[in-house]
Amino acid sequence: MNDEPRLSPEEMLERLAPTLSPWARIRGVAALLAGLAGAVFVGVLWAGEPGPLPGRTHLAFTALTVFCLAWAGYGAWAITRRAPLFALDRVIAAWLATTASTVMTVVLAVAAVQRGTGLVASLVTGAVLVVIALVLAVRAHAHRAALLRRKRELTGGE
């Protein structure tokens, strides 16, 4: 007979999926620091611009600052979670990347049309980035679904 005590499903899950792996922590800290650094950099650039700025420029600085702060918020959220994330962090990161690359593509296309040059290059570059972000989003959703299925199997369908 086996004298080892049986593990409950929760204990097994804790052993299978630590609350935050070292690599997940590193990714979270990197996102937090990069987001904060980007927001500070954009804010300093924005504050240092001489003279009155056009509305489009204010909008661009605002969008860049918001995206940087979103990455910082994502990083802070990811490193402060105490429960298994089940790949939710990857899903959120992929959708942040998709949103940022889509907005960037639109802004670059509008700027190219206004200047009368470079529309094709900006659309191609933006499309490549959007497609990469969407592929990552689909993969993240699939990975999360597989982990959640496995969790349900281990916990008896809860």
C-alpha atoms as a PDB file:
ATOM      1  CA  MET A   1       0.000   0.000   0.000  1.00  0.00           C
ATOM      2  CA  ASN A   2       1.015   3.556  -0.641  1.00  0.00           C
ATOM      3  CA  ASP A   3       1.357   5.461   2.659  1.00  0.00           C
ATOM      4  CA  GLU A   4       1.573   8.903   0.974  1.00  0.00           C
ATOM      5  CA  PRO A   5      -1.370  11.194   1.759  1.00  0.00           C
ATOM      6  CA  ARG A   6      -3.752  11.969  -1.104  1.00  0.00           C
ATOM      7  CA  LEU A   7      -3.695  15.501  -2.437  1.00  0.00           C
ATOM      8  CA  SER A   8      -6.879  17.461  -2.902  1.00  0.00           C
ATOM      9  CA  PRO A   9      -7.476  18.973  -6.361  1.00  0.00           C
ATOM     10  CA  GLU A  10      -6.622  22.433  -4.978  1.00  0.00           C
ATOM     11  CA  GLU A  11      -3.319  21.187  -3.546  1.00  0.00           C
ATOM     12  CA  MET A  12      -2.501  19.501  -6.837  1.00  0.00           C
ATOM     13  CA  LEU A  13      -3.243  22.723  -8.728  1.00  0.00           C
ATOM     14  CA  GLU A  14      -0.988  24.673  -6.373  1.00  0.00           C
ATOM     15  CA  ARG A  15       1.838  22.237  -7.054  1.00  0.00           C
ATOM     16  CA  LEU A  16       1.234  22.233 -10.810  1.00  0.00           C
ATOM     17  CA  ALA A  17       0.883  25.999 -11.223  1.00  0.00           C
ATOM     18  CA  PRO A  18       2.816  28.192  -8.830  1.00  0.00           C
ATOM     19  CA  THR A  19       1.248  31.576  -8.226  1.00  0.00           C
ATOM     20  CA  LEU A  20       3.785  33.391 -10.362  1.00  0.00           C
ATOM     21  CA  SER A  21       6.733  31.819 -12.113  1.00  0.00           C
ATOM     22  CA  PRO A  22      10.025  33.710 -12.220  1.00  0.00           C
ATOM     23  CA  TRP A  23       9.597  34.327 -15.961  1.00  0.00           C
ATOM     24  CA  ALA A  24       6.075  35.659 -15.485  1.00  0.00           C
ATOM     25  CA  ARG A  25       7.373  37.964 -12.761  1.00  0.00           C
ATOM     26  CA  ILE A  26      10.183  39.182 -15.043  1.00  0.00           C
ATOM     27  CA  ARG A  27       7.695  39.838 -17.873  1.00  0.00           C
ATOM     28  CA  GLY A  28       5.420  41.726 -15.493  1.00  0.00           C
ATOM     29  CA  VAL A  29       8.249  43.840 -14.107  1.00  0.00           C
ATOM     30  CA  ALA A  30       9.486  44.549 -17.649  1.00  0.00           C
ATOM     31  CA  ALA A  31       6.010  45.668 -18.742  1.00  0.00           C
ATOM     32  CA  LEU A  32       5.643  47.829 -15.635  1.00  0.00           C
ATOM     33  CA  LEU A  33       9.038  49.494 -16.042  1.00  0.00           C
ATOM     34  CA  ALA A  34       8.752  49.947 -19.816  1.00  0.00           C
ATOM     35  CA  GLY A  35       5.262  51.404 -19.456  1.00  0.00           C
ATOM     36  CA  LEU A  36       6.321  53.834 -16.744  1.00  0.00           C
ATOM     37  CA  ALA A  37       9.479  54.828 -18.624  1.00  0.00           C
ATOM     38  CA  GLY A  38       7.490  55.338 -21.817  1.00  0.00           C
ATOM     39  CA  ALA A  39       4.859  57.435 -20.046  1.00  0.00           C
ATOM     40  CA  VAL A  40       7.538  59.611 -18.406  1.00  0.00           C
ATOM     41  CA  PHE A  41       9.409  59.981 -21.711  1.00  0.00           C
ATOM     42  CA  VAL A  42       6.276  60.936 -23.660  1.00  0.00           C
ATOM     43  CA  GLY A  43       5.161  63.267 -20.858  1.00  0.00           C
ATOM     44  CA  VAL A  44       8.524  65.051 -20.829  1.00  0.00           C
ATOM     45  CA  LEU A  45       8.453  65.394 -24.619  1.00  0.00           C
ATOM     46  CA  TRP A  46       4.910  66.710 -24.474  1.00  0.00           C
ATOM     47  CA  ALA A  47       5.670  69.211 -21.702  1.00  0.00           C
ATOM     48  CA  GLY A  48       8.833  70.377 -23.457  1.00  0.00           C
ATOM     49  CA  GLU A  49       7.191  71.216 -26.773  1.00  0.00           C
ATOM     50  CA  PRO A  50       7.483  74.956 -27.466  1.00  0.00           C
ATOM     51  CA  GLY A  51       4.441  77.013 -28.373  1.00  0.00           C
ATOM     52  CA  PRO A  52       0.856  75.938 -28.800  1.00  0.00           C
ATOM     53  CA  LEU A  53       0.398  72.475 -30.290  1.00  0.00           C
ATOM     54  CA  PRO A  54      -2.302  71.457 -32.768  1.00  0.00           C
ATOM     55  CA  GLY A  55      -5.148  69.308 -31.472  1.00  0.00           C
ATOM     56  CA  ARG A  56      -3.901  66.260 -33.399  1.00  0.00           C
ATOM     57  CA  THR A  57      -0.549  66.497 -31.640  1.00  0.00           C
ATOM     58  CA  HIS A  58      -2.211  66.634 -28.235  1.00  0.00           C
ATOM     59  CA  LEU A  59      -4.312  63.621 -29.249  1.00  0.00           C
ATOM     60  CA  ALA A  60      -1.209  61.685 -30.328  1.00  0.00           C
ATOM     61  CA  PHE A  61       0.632  62.472 -27.083  1.00  0.00           C
ATOM     62  CA  THR A  62      -2.457  61.506 -25.093  1.00  0.00           C
ATOM     63  CA  ALA A  63      -2.809  58.191 -26.937  1.00  0.00           C
ATOM     64  CA  LEU A  64       0.871  57.334 -26.448  1.00  0.00           C
ATOM     65  CA  THR A  65       0.682  58.197 -22.756  1.00  0.00           C
ATOM     66  CA  VAL A  66      -2.475  56.115 -22.299  1.00  0.00           C
ATOM     67  CA  PHE A  67      -0.904  53.092 -24.010  1.00  0.00           C
ATOM     68  CA  CYS A  68       2.243  53.393 -21.892  1.00  0.00           C
ATOM     69  CA  LEU A  69       0.173  53.658 -18.712  1.00  0.00           C
ATOM     70  CA  ALA A  70      -1.929  50.670 -19.839  1.00  0.00           C
ATOM     71  CA  TRP A  71       1.252  48.572 -20.146  1.00  0.00           C
ATOM     72  CA  ALA A  72       2.402  49.800 -16.739  1.00  0.00           C
ATOM     73  CA  GLY A  73      -0.986  48.885 -15.258  1.00  0.00           C
ATOM     74  CA  TYR A  74      -0.841  45.466 -16.884  1.00  0.00           C
ATOM     75  CA  GLY A  75       2.645  44.878 -15.458  1.00  0.00           C
ATOM     76  CA  ALA A  76       1.558  45.954 -11.977  1.00  0.00           C
ATOM     77  CA  TRP A  77      -1.525  43.720 -12.151  1.00  0.00           C
ATOM     78  CA  ALA A  78       0.491  40.740 -13.397  1.00  0.00           C
ATOM     79  CA  ILE A  79       3.098  40.892 -10.622  1.00  0.00           C
ATOM     80  CA  THR A  80       0.612  41.473  -7.797  1.00  0.00           C
ATOM     81  CA  ARG A  81      -1.661  38.517  -8.583  1.00  0.00           C
ATOM     82  CA  ARG A  82      -1.535  35.842  -5.902  1.00  0.00           C
ATOM     83  CA  ALA A  83      -3.581  33.216  -7.749  1.00  0.00           C
ATOM     84  CA  PRO A  84      -2.689  31.271 -10.893  1.00  0.00           C
ATOM     85  CA  LEU A  85      -3.337  33.460 -13.909  1.00  0.00           C
ATOM     86  CA  PHE A  86      -4.218  30.582 -16.273  1.00  0.00           C
ATOM     87  CA  ALA A  87      -2.756  32.639 -19.146  1.00  0.00           C
ATOM     88  CA  LEU A  88      -5.090  35.608 -18.582  1.00  0.00           C
ATOM     89  CA  ASP A  89      -1.995  37.816 -18.532  1.00  0.00           C
ATOM     90  CA  ARG A  90      -1.141  36.707 -22.066  1.00  0.00           C
ATOM     91  CA  VAL A  91      -4.684  37.363 -23.276  1.00  0.00           C
ATOM     92  CA  ILE A  92      -4.650  40.883 -21.846  1.00  0.00           C
ATOM     93  CA  ALA A  93      -1.179  41.604 -23.256  1.00  0.00           C
ATOM     94  CA  ALA A  94      -2.212  40.370 -26.701  1.00  0.00           C
ATOM     95  CA  TRP A  95      -5.294  42.596 -26.754  1.00  0.00           C
ATOM     96  CA  LEU A  96      -3.251  45.591 -25.565  1.00  0.00           C
ATOM     97  CA  ALA A  97      -0.835  44.948 -28.431  1.00  0.00           C
ATOM     98  CA  THR A  98      -3.697  44.548 -30.914  1.00  0.00           C
ATOM     99  CA  THR A  99      -5.315  47.800 -29.824  1.00  0.00           C
ATOM    100  CA  ALA A 100      -2.048  49.736 -29.827  1.00  0.00           C
ATOM    101  CA  SER A 101      -0.978  48.460 -33.247  1.00  0.00           C
ATOM    102  CA  THR A 102      -4.408  49.160 -34.757  1.00  0.00           C
ATOM    103  CA  VAL A 103      -4.495  52.723 -33.412  1.00  0.00           C
ATOM    104  CA  MET A 104      -0.910  53.269 -34.552  1.00  0.00           C
ATOM    105  CA  THR A 105      -1.789  52.060 -38.046  1.00  0.00           C
ATOM    106  CA  VAL A 106      -4.729  54.446 -38.276  1.00  0.00           C
ATOM    107  CA  VAL A 107      -2.666  57.389 -37.013  1.00  0.00           C
ATOM    108  CA  LEU A 108       0.176  56.618 -39.445  1.00  0.00           C
ATOM    109  CA  ALA A 109      -2.256  56.254 -42.338  1.00  0.00           C
ATOM    110  CA  VAL A 110      -3.932  59.586 -41.545  1.00  0.00           C
ATOM    111  CA  ALA A 111      -0.528  61.284 -41.293  1.00  0.00           C
ATOM    112  CA  ALA A 112       0.570  59.729 -44.587  1.00  0.00           C
ATOM    113  CA  VAL A 113      -2.602  60.903 -46.362  1.00  0.00           C
ATOM    114  CA  GLN A 114      -2.164  64.429 -44.999  1.00  0.00           C
ATOM    115  CA  ARG A 115       1.446  64.519 -46.187  1.00  0.00           C
ATOM    116  CA  GLY A 116       0.642  62.830 -49.467  1.00  0.00           C
ATOM    117  CA  THR A 117       3.427  60.242 -49.176  1.00  0.00           C
ATOM    118  CA  GLY A 118       4.117  56.867 -47.618  1.00  0.00           C
ATOM    119  CA  LEU A 119       0.556  55.564 -47.330  1.00  0.00           C
ATOM    120  CA  VAL A 120       1.369  52.110 -48.693  1.00  0.00           C
ATOM    121  CA  ALA A 121       4.408  51.692 -46.448  1.00  0.00           C
ATOM    122  CA  SER A 122       2.493  52.747 -43.327  1.00  0.00           C
ATOM    123  CA  LEU A 123      -0.451  50.470 -44.165  1.00  0.00           C
ATOM    124  CA  VAL A 124       1.785  47.478 -44.869  1.00  0.00           C
ATOM    125  CA  THR A 125       3.826  48.011 -41.701  1.00  0.00           C
ATOM    126  CA  GLY A 126       0.703  48.530 -39.616  1.00  0.00           C
ATOM    127  CA  ALA A 127      -1.029  45.500 -41.141  1.00  0.00           C
ATOM    128  CA  VAL A 128       1.949  43.275 -40.321  1.00  0.00           C
ATOM    129  CA  LEU A 129       1.936  44.464 -36.696  1.00  0.00           C
ATOM    130  CA  VAL A 130      -1.850  44.032 -36.373  1.00  0.00           C
ATOM    131  CA  VAL A 131      -1.710  40.522 -37.846  1.00  0.00           C
ATOM    132  CA  ILE A 132       1.115  39.522 -35.477  1.00  0.00           C
ATOM    133  CA  ALA A 133      -0.836  40.899 -32.514  1.00  0.00           C
ATOM    134  CA  LEU A 134      -4.004  39.076 -33.609  1.00  0.00           C
ATOM    135  CA  VAL A 135      -2.115  35.795 -34.011  1.00  0.00           C
ATOM    136  CA  LEU A 136      -0.743  36.230 -30.489  1.00  0.00           C
ATOM    137  CA  ALA A 137      -4.270  36.978 -29.216  1.00  0.00           C
ATOM    138  CA  VAL A 138      -5.698  33.834 -30.818  1.00  0.00           C
ATOM    139  CA  ARG A 139      -2.844  31.726 -29.435  1.00  0.00           C
ATOM    140  CA  ALA A 140      -3.273  33.263 -25.973  1.00  0.00           C
ATOM    141  CA  HIS A 141      -7.013  32.523 -25.980  1.00  0.00           C
ATOM    142  CA  ALA A 142      -6.382  28.932 -27.083  1.00  0.00           C
ATOM    143  CA  HIS A 143      -3.704  28.425 -24.410  1.00  0.00           C
ATOM    144  CA  ARG A 144      -5.972  29.890 -21.720  1.00  0.00           C
ATOM    145  CA  ALA A 145      -8.872  27.669 -22.824  1.00  0.00           C
ATOM    146  CA  ALA A 146      -6.632  24.571 -22.641  1.00  0.00           C
ATOM    147  CA  LEU A 147      -5.448  25.486 -19.139  1.00  0.00           C
ATOM    148  CA  LEU A 148      -8.983  26.136 -17.918  1.00  0.00           C
ATOM    149  CA  ARG A 149     -10.131  22.805 -19.413  1.00  0.00           C
ATOM    150  CA  ARG A 150      -7.321  21.056 -17.573  1.00  0.00           C
ATOM    151  CA  LYS A 151      -8.246  22.860 -14.344  1.00  0.00           C
ATOM    152  CA  ARG A 152     -11.864  21.664 -14.702  1.00  0.00           C
ATOM    153  CA  GLU A 153     -10.621  18.105 -15.265  1.00  0.00           C
ATOM    154  CA  LEU A 154      -8.467  18.247 -12.145  1.00  0.00           C
ATOM    155  CA  THR A 155     -11.130  19.816  -9.934  1.00  0.00           C
ATOM    156  CA  GLY A 156     -13.956  17.594 -11.112  1.00  0.00           C
ATOM    157  CA  GLY A 157     -15.819  20.109 -13.275  1.00  0.00           C
ATOM    158  CA  GLU A 158     -16.043  23.071 -10.894  1.00  0.00           C
END
